[in-house]
Amino acid sequence: MSLWLNRCLTLGLAAVVVTGLQNVFPAPEALPQGHWVKAGKVLSNRSSKKDTLLLNNGGSTEGIDILRDQQLKPLLALPEPRGRVQQLWVLGRRSHLPAGLNDFTAIGSSETVAPGLTLFALKRPGGTALWRATDMLETADIRVGKIRCEGRHAAGKRCSGLPDWMRVTREEVTVGGQRRTCLWAHPPANGAFLSVDFGAVPEGELLIRHGLSDRASESENNSPVELRILSDAGERLLRAHNKAGFQSERLEVRGRLKLKIRAKKDGMRHYCFKAEIR
């Protein structure tokens, strides 16, 4: 009986505390619709269709329908990959920027565009990457022939049932006497392809750097590693030879991006690459 009574008292006390907190920190009242309309007009005059609008209400959707009625497209979170966002507008009831926008630079100061609504303008600095292969490794479709490489690895993905070196992982590899942070992608045996399908990517110039490790370059295997780059813009074939160092190549890409890696002889073909779109 006493246990039941104690539980009732505990629940009752919790209810009193919650009610008290609600009275002390009541939810803010919704702003008049006209405030959101005014803010939307300011944005419509300043932004373009390519710009991104992030709603900054701490998770609340207040005002989202009013902005949409003005042909704007407010988002509650930035789309992935974030590199596609070049011009960013942040609008909402919060007077400070949300976390996670370190890749952007503020344009001027924040502005109160309507009572209770603050607008920030940000842009991605020139020369920064729109897209990086290392950032998209988790969502890439990786295969060796018909085998899908979905095995977990601390630095990426491994191909279950195949030797340990059959993986695509972020690693430090010595190429040309320098330590490089790149994606390890050892070609499979018997001339098979290692396929890395990144799906849709932003249109732009792909900068790819690739090469064999210094240790691999000293081996007796002289078979080059072939890298085929395929996108809706066309196809390009690159080759990494022993002691060639970390080679660079630029090409235009759009639509889907797939990389296919192979070597006629796979022994000691310690190969890695870096890829980004600017």
C-alpha atoms as a PDB file:
ATOM      1  CA  MET A   1       0.000   0.000   0.000  1.00  0.00           C
ATOM      2  CA  SER A   2       2.797   2.397   0.912  1.00  0.00           C
ATOM      3  CA  LEU A   3       4.587   1.647  -2.392  1.00  0.00           C
ATOM      4  CA  TRP A   4       1.436   2.477  -4.348  1.00  0.00           C
ATOM      5  CA  LEU A   5       0.999   5.689  -2.357  1.00  0.00           C
ATOM      6  CA  ASN A   6       4.616   6.721  -2.971  1.00  0.00           C
ATOM      7  CA  ARG A   7       4.214   6.200  -6.722  1.00  0.00           C
ATOM      8  CA  CYS A   8       1.052   8.306  -6.776  1.00  0.00           C
ATOM      9  CA  LEU A   9       2.760  11.092  -4.842  1.00  0.00           C
ATOM     10  CA  THR A  10       5.750  10.976  -7.214  1.00  0.00           C
ATOM     11  CA  LEU A  11       3.546  11.193 -10.313  1.00  0.00           C
ATOM     12  CA  GLY A  12       1.521  13.994  -8.769  1.00  0.00           C
ATOM     13  CA  LEU A  13       4.646  15.978  -7.920  1.00  0.00           C
ATOM     14  CA  ALA A  14       5.979  15.504 -11.472  1.00  0.00           C
ATOM     15  CA  ALA A  15       2.719  16.827 -12.915  1.00  0.00           C
ATOM     16  CA  VAL A  16       2.896  19.892 -10.675  1.00  0.00           C
ATOM     17  CA  VAL A  17       6.503  20.582 -11.746  1.00  0.00           C
ATOM     18  CA  VAL A  18       5.667  20.262 -15.458  1.00  0.00           C
ATOM     19  CA  THR A  19       2.649  22.542 -15.099  1.00  0.00           C
ATOM     20  CA  GLY A  20       4.737  25.062 -13.204  1.00  0.00           C
ATOM     21  CA  LEU A  21       7.441  25.076 -15.866  1.00  0.00           C
ATOM     22  CA  GLN A  22       4.837  25.602 -18.565  1.00  0.00           C
ATOM     23  CA  ASN A  23       3.567  28.633 -16.679  1.00  0.00           C
ATOM     24  CA  VAL A  24       7.077  30.015 -16.156  1.00  0.00           C
ATOM     25  CA  PHE A  25       8.256  29.274 -19.734  1.00  0.00           C
ATOM     26  CA  PRO A  26       5.114  29.447 -21.872  1.00  0.00           C
ATOM     27  CA  ALA A  27       5.391  28.671 -25.593  1.00  0.00           C
ATOM     28  CA  PRO A  28       5.781  31.900 -27.585  1.00  0.00           C
ATOM     29  CA  GLU A  29       2.657  33.126 -29.293  1.00  0.00           C
ATOM     30  CA  ALA A  30       2.589  32.884 -33.068  1.00  0.00           C
ATOM     31  CA  LEU A  31       3.524  36.064 -34.895  1.00  0.00           C
ATOM     32  CA  PRO A  32       0.857  37.882 -36.908  1.00  0.00           C
ATOM     33  CA  GLN A  33       0.619  36.544 -40.450  1.00  0.00           C
ATOM     34  CA  GLY A  34       1.473  39.975 -41.817  1.00  0.00           C
ATOM     35  CA  HIS A  35       4.967  39.777 -40.317  1.00  0.00           C
ATOM     36  CA  TRP A  36       5.743  36.624 -42.305  1.00  0.00           C
ATOM     37  CA  VAL A  37       4.219  38.151 -45.444  1.00  0.00           C
ATOM     38  CA  LYS A  38       6.458  41.203 -45.069  1.00  0.00           C
ATOM     39  CA  ALA A  39       9.553  39.039 -44.561  1.00  0.00           C
ATOM     40  CA  GLY A  40       8.594  36.947 -47.586  1.00  0.00           C
ATOM     41  CA  LYS A  41       8.358  40.037 -49.784  1.00  0.00           C
ATOM     42  CA  VAL A  42      11.848  41.108 -48.721  1.00  0.00           C
ATOM     43  CA  LEU A  43      13.214  37.674 -49.609  1.00  0.00           C
ATOM     44  CA  SER A  44      11.385  37.542 -52.935  1.00  0.00           C
ATOM     45  CA  ASN A  45      13.002  40.831 -53.952  1.00  0.00           C
ATOM     46  CA  ARG A  46      16.525  39.790 -52.940  1.00  0.00           C
ATOM     47  CA  SER A  47      16.816  36.076 -53.655  1.00  0.00           C
ATOM     48  CA  SER A  48      16.958  34.030 -56.844  1.00  0.00           C
ATOM     49  CA  LYS A  49      15.460  30.633 -57.649  1.00  0.00           C
ATOM     50  CA  LYS A  50      18.870  28.987 -57.153  1.00  0.00           C
ATOM     51  CA  ASP A  51      19.166  30.253 -53.569  1.00  0.00           C
ATOM     52  CA  THR A  52      18.360  28.141 -50.507  1.00  0.00           C
ATOM     53  CA  LEU A  53      16.106  29.323 -47.676  1.00  0.00           C
ATOM     54  CA  LEU A  54      16.485  27.803 -44.205  1.00  0.00           C
ATOM     55  CA  LEU A  55      13.765  28.370 -41.605  1.00  0.00           C
ATOM     56  CA  ASN A  56      15.315  29.297 -38.259  1.00  0.00           C
ATOM     57  CA  ASN A  57      12.635  28.713 -35.621  1.00  0.00           C
ATOM     58  CA  GLY A  58      14.409  26.104 -33.528  1.00  0.00           C
ATOM     59  CA  GLY A  59      12.491  23.284 -35.199  1.00  0.00           C
ATOM     60  CA  SER A  60       9.090  24.989 -35.342  1.00  0.00           C
ATOM     61  CA  THR A  61       7.326  25.162 -38.714  1.00  0.00           C
ATOM     62  CA  GLU A  62       5.703  28.510 -37.932  1.00  0.00           C
ATOM     63  CA  GLY A  63       5.460  30.642 -41.066  1.00  0.00           C
ATOM     64  CA  ILE A  64       6.409  27.875 -43.495  1.00  0.00           C
ATOM     65  CA  ASP A  65       3.028  27.781 -45.271  1.00  0.00           C
ATOM     66  CA  ILE A  66       2.863  31.571 -45.537  1.00  0.00           C
ATOM     67  CA  LEU A  67       6.298  31.669 -47.170  1.00  0.00           C
ATOM     68  CA  ARG A  68       5.343  28.863 -49.539  1.00  0.00           C
ATOM     69  CA  ASP A  69       2.251  30.827 -50.563  1.00  0.00           C
ATOM     70  CA  GLN A  70       4.691  33.517 -51.753  1.00  0.00           C
ATOM     71  CA  GLN A  71       6.438  31.011 -54.061  1.00  0.00           C
ATOM     72  CA  LEU A  72       9.360  30.575 -51.659  1.00  0.00           C
ATOM     73  CA  LYS A  73      10.758  27.165 -50.683  1.00  0.00           C
ATOM     74  CA  PRO A  74      11.726  27.231 -46.996  1.00  0.00           C
ATOM     75  CA  LEU A  75      13.518  24.165 -45.596  1.00  0.00           C
ATOM     76  CA  LEU A  76      13.829  22.903 -42.031  1.00  0.00           C
ATOM     77  CA  ALA A  77      17.293  21.437 -42.733  1.00  0.00           C
ATOM     78  CA  LEU A  78      19.920  21.902 -45.424  1.00  0.00           C
ATOM     79  CA  PRO A  79      19.814  19.420 -48.308  1.00  0.00           C
ATOM     80  CA  GLU A  80      22.605  16.894 -48.805  1.00  0.00           C
ATOM     81  CA  PRO A  81      25.172  17.212 -50.175  1.00  0.00           C
ATOM     82  CA  ARG A  82      25.507  20.669 -48.676  1.00  0.00           C
ATOM     83  CA  GLY A  83      28.023  21.606 -51.342  1.00  0.00           C
ATOM     84  CA  ARG A  84      25.109  22.265 -53.684  1.00  0.00           C
ATOM     85  CA  VAL A  85      24.108  25.262 -51.582  1.00  0.00           C
ATOM     86  CA  GLN A  86      25.880  28.404 -52.786  1.00  0.00           C
ATOM     87  CA  GLN A  87      23.680  31.284 -51.570  1.00  0.00           C
ATOM     88  CA  LEU A  88      21.891  30.697 -48.270  1.00  0.00           C
ATOM     89  CA  TRP A  89      19.204  32.771 -46.563  1.00  0.00           C
ATOM     90  CA  VAL A  90      18.330  32.031 -42.932  1.00  0.00           C
ATOM     91  CA  LEU A  91      15.028  33.463 -41.699  1.00  0.00           C
ATOM     92  CA  GLY A  92      13.122  32.940 -38.495  1.00  0.00           C
ATOM     93  CA  ARG A  93      12.313  33.922 -34.952  1.00  0.00           C
ATOM     94  CA  ARG A  94      15.790  33.170 -33.661  1.00  0.00           C
ATOM     95  CA  SER A  95      18.231  36.062 -33.640  1.00  0.00           C
ATOM     96  CA  HIS A  96      21.283  33.798 -33.945  1.00  0.00           C
ATOM     97  CA  LEU A  97      22.376  31.340 -36.607  1.00  0.00           C
ATOM     98  CA  PRO A  98      21.784  27.613 -36.112  1.00  0.00           C
ATOM     99  CA  ALA A  99      24.771  25.322 -35.635  1.00  0.00           C
ATOM    100  CA  GLY A 100      26.448  23.565 -38.544  1.00  0.00           C
ATOM    101  CA  LEU A 101      26.964  26.470 -40.956  1.00  0.00           C
ATOM    102  CA  ASN A 102      30.744  26.753 -40.620  1.00  0.00           C
ATOM    103  CA  ASP A 103      31.227  26.241 -44.371  1.00  0.00           C
ATOM    104  CA  PHE A 104      29.430  29.520 -45.089  1.00  0.00           C
ATOM    105  CA  THR A 105      30.470  33.151 -44.774  1.00  0.00           C
ATOM    106  CA  ALA A 106      28.038  35.814 -43.595  1.00  0.00           C
ATOM    107  CA  ILE A 107      27.270  38.656 -46.000  1.00  0.00           C
ATOM    108  CA  GLY A 108      26.934  41.742 -43.852  1.00  0.00           C
ATOM    109  CA  SER A 109      25.034  41.800 -40.568  1.00  0.00           C
ATOM    110  CA  SER A 110      21.758  40.176 -39.627  1.00  0.00           C
ATOM    111  CA  GLU A 111      18.630  42.224 -40.288  1.00  0.00           C
ATOM    112  CA  THR A 112      15.225  42.467 -38.640  1.00  0.00           C
ATOM    113  CA  VAL A 113      12.987  42.332 -41.717  1.00  0.00           C
ATOM    114  CA  ALA A 114       9.742  42.260 -39.714  1.00  0.00           C
ATOM    115  CA  PRO A 115       8.949  42.440 -35.986  1.00  0.00           C
ATOM    116  CA  GLY A 116      10.292  39.255 -34.405  1.00  0.00           C
ATOM    117  CA  LEU A 117      11.919  37.936 -37.597  1.00  0.00           C
ATOM    118  CA  THR A 118      15.663  38.007 -38.297  1.00  0.00           C
ATOM    119  CA  LEU A 119      17.236  37.440 -41.711  1.00  0.00           C
ATOM    120  CA  PHE A 120      20.810  36.309 -42.361  1.00  0.00           C
ATOM    121  CA  ALA A 121      22.504  36.173 -45.770  1.00  0.00           C
ATOM    122  CA  LEU A 122      25.359  33.703 -46.255  1.00  0.00           C
ATOM    123  CA  LYS A 123      27.382  32.350 -49.138  1.00  0.00           C
ATOM    124  CA  ARG A 124      29.861  29.588 -49.749  1.00  0.00           C
ATOM    125  CA  PRO A 125      33.360  31.065 -50.211  1.00  0.00           C
ATOM    126  CA  GLY A 126      34.746  30.964 -53.742  1.00  0.00           C
ATOM    127  CA  GLY A 127      37.050  28.040 -54.429  1.00  0.00           C
ATOM    128  CA  THR A 128      35.481  25.733 -51.875  1.00  0.00           C
ATOM    129  CA  ALA A 129      34.312  22.327 -53.002  1.00  0.00           C
ATOM    130  CA  LEU A 130      30.688  21.750 -53.939  1.00  0.00           C
ATOM    131  CA  TRP A 131      31.070  18.020 -53.332  1.00  0.00           C
ATOM    132  CA  ARG A 132      33.691  15.646 -51.920  1.00  0.00           C
ATOM    133  CA  ALA A 133      33.885  11.895 -52.406  1.00  0.00           C
ATOM    134  CA  THR A 134      35.005  11.406 -48.799  1.00  0.00           C
ATOM    135  CA  ASP A 135      31.815  13.081 -47.532  1.00  0.00           C
ATOM    136  CA  MET A 136      29.575  10.839 -49.645  1.00  0.00           C
ATOM    137  CA  LEU A 137      31.243   7.492 -49.002  1.00  0.00           C
ATOM    138  CA  GLU A 138      28.518   6.284 -46.629  1.00  0.00           C
ATOM    139  CA  THR A 139      25.783   6.649 -49.264  1.00  0.00           C
ATOM    140  CA  ALA A 140      27.822   5.382 -52.232  1.00  0.00           C
ATOM    141  CA  ASP A 141      26.863   2.074 -53.870  1.00  0.00           C
ATOM    142  CA  ILE A 142      30.098   0.039 -53.895  1.00  0.00           C
ATOM    143  CA  ARG A 143      30.339  -3.298 -55.705  1.00  0.00           C
ATOM    144  CA  VAL A 144      32.805  -5.890 -56.922  1.00  0.00           C
ATOM    145  CA  GLY A 145      31.016  -7.583 -59.786  1.00  0.00           C
ATOM    146  CA  LYS A 146      27.646  -8.582 -58.318  1.00  0.00           C
ATOM    147  CA  ILE A 147      28.917  -8.432 -54.736  1.00  0.00           C
ATOM    148  CA  ARG A 148      27.681  -5.356 -52.896  1.00  0.00           C
ATOM    149  CA  CYS A 149      30.213  -3.975 -50.407  1.00  0.00           C
ATOM    150  CA  GLU A 150      28.117  -3.147 -47.359  1.00  0.00           C
ATOM    151  CA  GLY A 151      30.398  -4.451 -44.620  1.00  0.00           C
ATOM    152  CA  ARG A 152      31.080  -1.986 -41.828  1.00  0.00           C
ATOM    153  CA  HIS A 153      34.552  -0.539 -41.408  1.00  0.00           C
ATOM    154  CA  ALA A 154      35.685   2.211 -39.051  1.00  0.00           C
ATOM    155  CA  ALA A 155      36.883   4.294 -42.009  1.00  0.00           C
ATOM    156  CA  GLY A 156      34.361   3.349 -44.698  1.00  0.00           C
ATOM    157  CA  LYS A 157      33.040   0.138 -46.253  1.00  0.00           C
ATOM    158  CA  ARG A 158      34.506  -3.299 -46.845  1.00  0.00           C
ATOM    159  CA  CYS A 159      33.537  -6.067 -49.234  1.00  0.00           C
ATOM    160  CA  SER A 160      32.386  -8.974 -47.079  1.00  0.00           C
ATOM    161  CA  GLY A 161      33.689 -12.386 -48.132  1.00  0.00           C
ATOM    162  CA  LEU A 162      36.697 -10.870 -49.930  1.00  0.00           C
ATOM    163  CA  PRO A 163      40.236 -10.214 -48.610  1.00  0.00           C
ATOM    164  CA  ASP A 164      40.641  -7.396 -46.090  1.00  0.00           C
ATOM    165  CA  TRP A 165      42.270  -5.091 -48.627  1.00  0.00           C
ATOM    166  CA  MET A 166      39.048  -5.128 -50.670  1.00  0.00           C
ATOM    167  CA  ARG A 167      37.512  -2.043 -49.139  1.00  0.00           C
ATOM    168  CA  VAL A 168      36.918   1.644 -49.816  1.00  0.00           C
ATOM    169  CA  THR A 169      38.118   3.562 -46.774  1.00  0.00           C
ATOM    170  CA  ARG A 170      39.564   6.912 -45.741  1.00  0.00           C
ATOM    171  CA  GLU A 171      43.246   6.327 -45.067  1.00  0.00           C
ATOM    172  CA  GLU A 172      46.669   7.924 -45.047  1.00  0.00           C
ATOM    173  CA  VAL A 173      48.826   6.558 -47.854  1.00  0.00           C
ATOM    174  CA  THR A 174      52.380   7.561 -48.786  1.00  0.00           C
ATOM    175  CA  VAL A 175      52.445   8.576 -52.451  1.00  0.00           C
ATOM    176  CA  GLY A 176      55.390  10.410 -53.991  1.00  0.00           C
ATOM    177  CA  GLY A 177      57.103  10.628 -50.621  1.00  0.00           C
ATOM    178  CA  GLN A 178      54.170  12.452 -49.001  1.00  0.00           C
ATOM    179  CA  ARG A 179      51.436  11.253 -46.686  1.00  0.00           C
ATOM    180  CA  ARG A 180      48.096  11.689 -48.437  1.00  0.00           C
ATOM    181  CA  THR A 181      44.636  11.444 -46.926  1.00  0.00           C
ATOM    182  CA  CYS A 182      42.629   9.698 -49.621  1.00  0.00           C
ATOM    183  CA  LEU A 183      40.203   6.866 -50.349  1.00  0.00           C
ATOM    184  CA  TRP A 184      41.864   3.466 -50.473  1.00  0.00           C
ATOM    185  CA  ALA A 185      40.404   1.479 -53.391  1.00  0.00           C
ATOM    186  CA  HIS A 186      42.378  -1.682 -54.183  1.00  0.00           C
ATOM    187  CA  PRO A 187      41.402  -3.245 -57.540  1.00  0.00           C
ATOM    188  CA  PRO A 188      39.875  -6.753 -57.368  1.00  0.00           C
ATOM    189  CA  ALA A 189      41.480  -9.960 -58.622  1.00  0.00           C
ATOM    190  CA  ASN A 190      41.196 -11.297 -62.176  1.00  0.00           C
ATOM    191  CA  GLY A 191      40.755  -7.883 -63.771  1.00  0.00           C
ATOM    192  CA  ALA A 192      37.312  -7.358 -62.239  1.00  0.00           C
ATOM    193  CA  PHE A 193      35.973  -3.865 -61.623  1.00  0.00           C
ATOM    194  CA  LEU A 194      35.561  -2.176 -58.267  1.00  0.00           C
ATOM    195  CA  SER A 195      32.574   0.103 -58.901  1.00  0.00           C
ATOM    196  CA  VAL A 196      31.826   3.160 -56.746  1.00  0.00           C
ATOM    197  CA  ASP A 197      28.511   4.766 -57.708  1.00  0.00           C
ATOM    198  CA  PHE A 198      28.010   8.128 -55.986  1.00  0.00           C
ATOM    199  CA  GLY A 199      24.623   8.773 -57.568  1.00  0.00           C
ATOM    200  CA  ALA A 200      23.574  12.323 -58.447  1.00  0.00           C
ATOM    201  CA  VAL A 201      26.251  15.000 -58.022  1.00  0.00           C
ATOM    202  CA  PRO A 202      26.237  18.767 -58.596  1.00  0.00           C
ATOM    203  CA  GLU A 203      27.257  19.874 -62.066  1.00  0.00           C
ATOM    204  CA  GLY A 204      30.774  21.275 -62.166  1.00  0.00           C
ATOM    205  CA  GLU A 205      34.458  20.554 -62.641  1.00  0.00           C
ATOM    206  CA  LEU A 206      35.659  17.313 -61.078  1.00  0.00           C
ATOM    207  CA  LEU A 207      39.199  17.478 -59.717  1.00  0.00           C
ATOM    208  CA  ILE A 208      40.540  13.983 -59.203  1.00  0.00           C
ATOM    209  CA  ARG A 209      43.908  13.072 -57.698  1.00  0.00           C
ATOM    210  CA  HIS A 210      45.031   9.469 -57.683  1.00  0.00           C
ATOM    211  CA  GLY A 211      48.059   7.215 -57.556  1.00  0.00           C
ATOM    212  CA  LEU A 212      49.805   4.105 -56.277  1.00  0.00           C
ATOM    213  CA  SER A 213      51.522   4.008 -52.912  1.00  0.00           C
ATOM    214  CA  ASP A 214      55.306   4.206 -52.836  1.00  0.00           C
ATOM    215  CA  ARG A 215      55.407   0.654 -51.512  1.00  0.00           C
ATOM    216  CA  ALA A 216      53.292  -0.591 -54.427  1.00  0.00           C
ATOM    217  CA  SER A 217      55.455   1.333 -56.901  1.00  0.00           C
ATOM    218  CA  GLU A 218      58.514  -0.621 -55.759  1.00  0.00           C
ATOM    219  CA  SER A 219      56.889  -3.991 -56.456  1.00  0.00           C
ATOM    220  CA  GLU A 220      57.534  -6.122 -59.528  1.00  0.00           C
ATOM    221  CA  ASN A 221      53.946  -5.672 -60.691  1.00  0.00           C
ATOM    222  CA  ASN A 222      53.997  -3.043 -63.446  1.00  0.00           C
ATOM    223  CA  SER A 223      50.313  -3.348 -64.295  1.00  0.00           C
ATOM    224  CA  PRO A 224      48.737   0.138 -64.111  1.00  0.00           C
ATOM    225  CA  VAL A 225      45.517   0.740 -62.230  1.00  0.00           C
ATOM    226  CA  GLU A 226      42.764   1.943 -64.545  1.00  0.00           C
ATOM    227  CA  LEU A 227      40.206   4.473 -63.377  1.00  0.00           C
ATOM    228  CA  ARG A 228      37.116   4.991 -65.508  1.00  0.00           C
ATOM    229  CA  ILE A 229      35.088   8.095 -64.684  1.00  0.00           C
ATOM    230  CA  LEU A 230      31.516   8.036 -65.945  1.00  0.00           C
ATOM    231  CA  SER A 231      28.869  10.749 -65.716  1.00  0.00           C
ATOM    232  CA  ASP A 232      26.123  12.168 -67.908  1.00  0.00           C
ATOM    233  CA  ALA A 233      28.801  14.472 -69.359  1.00  0.00           C
ATOM    234  CA  GLY A 234      30.805  11.552 -70.775  1.00  0.00           C
ATOM    235  CA  GLU A 235      33.533   9.064 -69.879  1.00  0.00           C
ATOM    236  CA  ARG A 236      37.258   9.406 -69.168  1.00  0.00           C
ATOM    237  CA  LEU A 237      39.917   6.709 -68.692  1.00  0.00           C
ATOM    238  CA  LEU A 238      42.912   7.423 -66.447  1.00  0.00           C
ATOM    239  CA  ARG A 239      45.843   5.171 -65.540  1.00  0.00           C
ATOM    240  CA  ALA A 240      48.081   5.162 -62.472  1.00  0.00           C
ATOM    241  CA  HIS A 241      51.560   3.731 -63.121  1.00  0.00           C
ATOM    242  CA  ASN A 242      54.349   2.802 -60.718  1.00  0.00           C
ATOM    243  CA  LYS A 243      56.297   5.802 -59.393  1.00  0.00           C
ATOM    244  CA  ALA A 244      54.020   8.259 -61.186  1.00  0.00           C
ATOM    245  CA  GLY A 245      53.165  10.007 -57.921  1.00  0.00           C
ATOM    246  CA  PHE A 246      49.832  11.625 -57.167  1.00  0.00           C
ATOM    247  CA  GLN A 247      48.405  12.591 -60.560  1.00  0.00           C
ATOM    248  CA  SER A 248      45.721  15.238 -61.099  1.00  0.00           C
ATOM    249  CA  GLU A 249      43.029  15.470 -63.741  1.00  0.00           C
ATOM    250  CA  ARG A 250      40.108  17.840 -64.301  1.00  0.00           C
ATOM    251  CA  LEU A 251      36.911  17.176 -66.230  1.00  0.00           C
ATOM    252  CA  GLU A 252      33.330  18.375 -66.356  1.00  0.00           C
ATOM    253  CA  VAL A 253      30.713  16.133 -64.757  1.00  0.00           C
ATOM    254  CA  ARG A 254      26.956  16.228 -64.270  1.00  0.00           C
ATOM    255  CA  GLY A 255      24.129  13.887 -63.361  1.00  0.00           C
ATOM    256  CA  ARG A 256      25.235  10.556 -61.898  1.00  0.00           C
ATOM    257  CA  LEU A 257      28.896   9.914 -61.133  1.00  0.00           C
ATOM    258  CA  LYS A 258      30.420   6.438 -61.133  1.00  0.00           C
ATOM    259  CA  LEU A 259      34.059   5.403 -60.761  1.00  0.00           C
ATOM    260  CA  LYS A 260      35.250   1.988 -61.971  1.00  0.00           C
ATOM    261  CA  ILE A 261      38.674   0.728 -60.878  1.00  0.00           C
ATOM    262  CA  ARG A 262      40.558  -2.305 -62.186  1.00  0.00           C
ATOM    263  CA  ALA A 263      44.016  -3.730 -62.928  1.00  0.00           C
ATOM    264  CA  LYS A 264      44.985  -6.684 -65.102  1.00  0.00           C
ATOM    265  CA  LYS A 265      47.225  -7.901 -62.261  1.00  0.00           C
ATOM    266  CA  ASP A 266      46.029  -6.965 -58.789  1.00  0.00           C
ATOM    267  CA  GLY A 267      49.115  -7.876 -56.720  1.00  0.00           C
ATOM    268  CA  MET A 268      50.419  -4.933 -54.636  1.00  0.00           C
ATOM    269  CA  ARG A 269      48.138  -2.428 -56.344  1.00  0.00           C
ATOM    270  CA  HIS A 270      47.777  -0.157 -53.308  1.00  0.00           C
ATOM    271  CA  TYR A 271      45.738   2.557 -54.998  1.00  0.00           C
ATOM    272  CA  CYS A 272      43.966   5.586 -53.582  1.00  0.00           C
ATOM    273  CA  PHE A 273      42.160   8.654 -54.897  1.00  0.00           C
ATOM    274  CA  LYS A 274      40.636  11.978 -53.900  1.00  0.00           C
ATOM    275  CA  ALA A 275      37.740  13.552 -55.791  1.00  0.00           C
ATOM    276  CA  GLU A 276      35.882  16.817 -55.413  1.00  0.00           C
ATOM    277  CA  ILE A 277      33.663  19.009 -57.554  1.00  0.00           C
ATOM    278  CA  ARG A 278      34.171  22.757 -57.716  1.00  0.00           C
END
